Amino acid sequence: MTPIKSSMATHADYDMKTGALTVKFKNGSTHLYRDVPAHVGESLMGAQSFGSSFNKNVAGHYIGEKI
């Protein structure tokens, strides 16, 4: 996973082929979000504020599975 600068997460990865978004949160848990569209995943990974983008575009829209 890619290290990120965020107050909510330490690492994240987005796989365009599968639409899988994996996020490791600062509390140590890692969650997998499936079927995330490319425009959402790419926007999130390139966002100036990962947390704001995640809360606006992922949280509440995609179910995270703890892995």
Protein backbone atom coordinates (compact mmCIF):
# COMPACT_ATOMS: atom_id res chain seq x y z
CA MET A 1 0.00 0.00 0.00
CA THR A 2 0.99 3.58 -0.58
CA PRO A 3 1.84 5.75 2.45
CA ILE A 4 -0.43 8.80 2.62
CA LYS A 5 -0.48 12.00 4.66
CA SER A 6 -3.80 12.07 6.43
CA SER A 7 -5.19 12.56 9.90
CA MET A 8 -7.39 9.47 9.47
CA ALA A 9 -5.31 6.93 7.52
CA THR A 10 -1.69 5.86 7.07
CA HIS A 11 -1.85 3.89 3.81
CA ALA A 12 -4.20 3.40 0.88
CA ASP A 13 -4.30 1.56 -2.42
CA TYR A 14 -6.72 1.58 -5.33
CA ASP A 15 -6.80 -1.15 -7.99
CA MET A 16 -8.38 0.18 -11.20
CA LYS A 17 -8.80 -3.34 -12.64
CA THR A 18 -10.92 -4.62 -9.76
CA GLY A 19 -12.28 -1.39 -8.25
CA ALA A 20 -10.87 -2.40 -4.87
CA LEU A 21 -9.93 0.38 -2.47
CA THR A 22 -7.90 -0.67 0.56
CA VAL A 23 -7.38 1.77 3.43
CA LYS A 24 -5.30 1.31 6.57
CA PHE A 25 -6.63 3.64 9.24
CA LYS A 26 -4.61 5.23 12.03
CA ASN A 27 -6.38 3.02 14.58
CA GLY A 28 -4.64 0.04 12.94
CA SER A 29 -7.65 -1.45 11.15
CA THR A 30 -7.59 -2.10 7.41
CA HIS A 31 -10.75 -2.00 5.32
CA LEU A 32 -11.50 -3.12 1.77
CA TYR A 33 -14.10 -1.26 -0.27
CA ARG A 34 -15.24 -3.15 -3.39
CA ASP A 35 -16.59 -1.88 -6.72
CA VAL A 36 -15.35 1.67 -6.26
CA PRO A 37 -15.51 3.39 -9.67
CA ALA A 38 -12.24 4.54 -11.23
CA HIS A 39 -13.14 8.23 -11.05
CA VAL A 40 -13.74 7.93 -7.29
CA GLY A 41 -10.60 5.87 -6.59
CA GLU A 42 -8.31 8.04 -8.69
CA SER A 43 -9.75 11.23 -7.24
CA LEU A 44 -9.29 9.94 -3.70
CA MET A 45 -5.70 8.83 -4.24
CA GLY A 46 -4.81 12.23 -5.73
CA ALA A 47 -6.78 14.39 -3.30
CA GLN A 48 -5.07 17.13 -1.29
CA SER A 49 -7.13 16.02 1.70
CA PHE A 50 -7.55 12.24 1.74
CA GLY A 51 -9.87 12.38 4.77
CA SER A 52 -12.23 14.97 3.29
CA SER A 53 -12.37 13.16 -0.04
CA PHE A 54 -12.90 9.79 1.66
CA ASN A 55 -15.72 11.14 3.83
CA LYS A 56 -17.43 12.83 0.88
CA ASN A 57 -17.03 10.13 -1.79
CA VAL A 58 -16.54 6.75 -0.08
CA ALA A 59 -17.95 6.71 3.46
CA GLY A 60 -21.67 6.02 3.33
CA HIS A 61 -21.49 5.10 -0.35
CA TYR A 62 -19.47 1.86 -0.22
CA ILE A 63 -19.41 -0.80 2.46
CA GLY A 64 -15.99 -1.39 3.99
CA GLU A 65 -15.03 -4.93 4.92
CA LYS A 66 -12.49 -5.22 7.73
CA ILE A 67 -9.58 -7.35 6.58
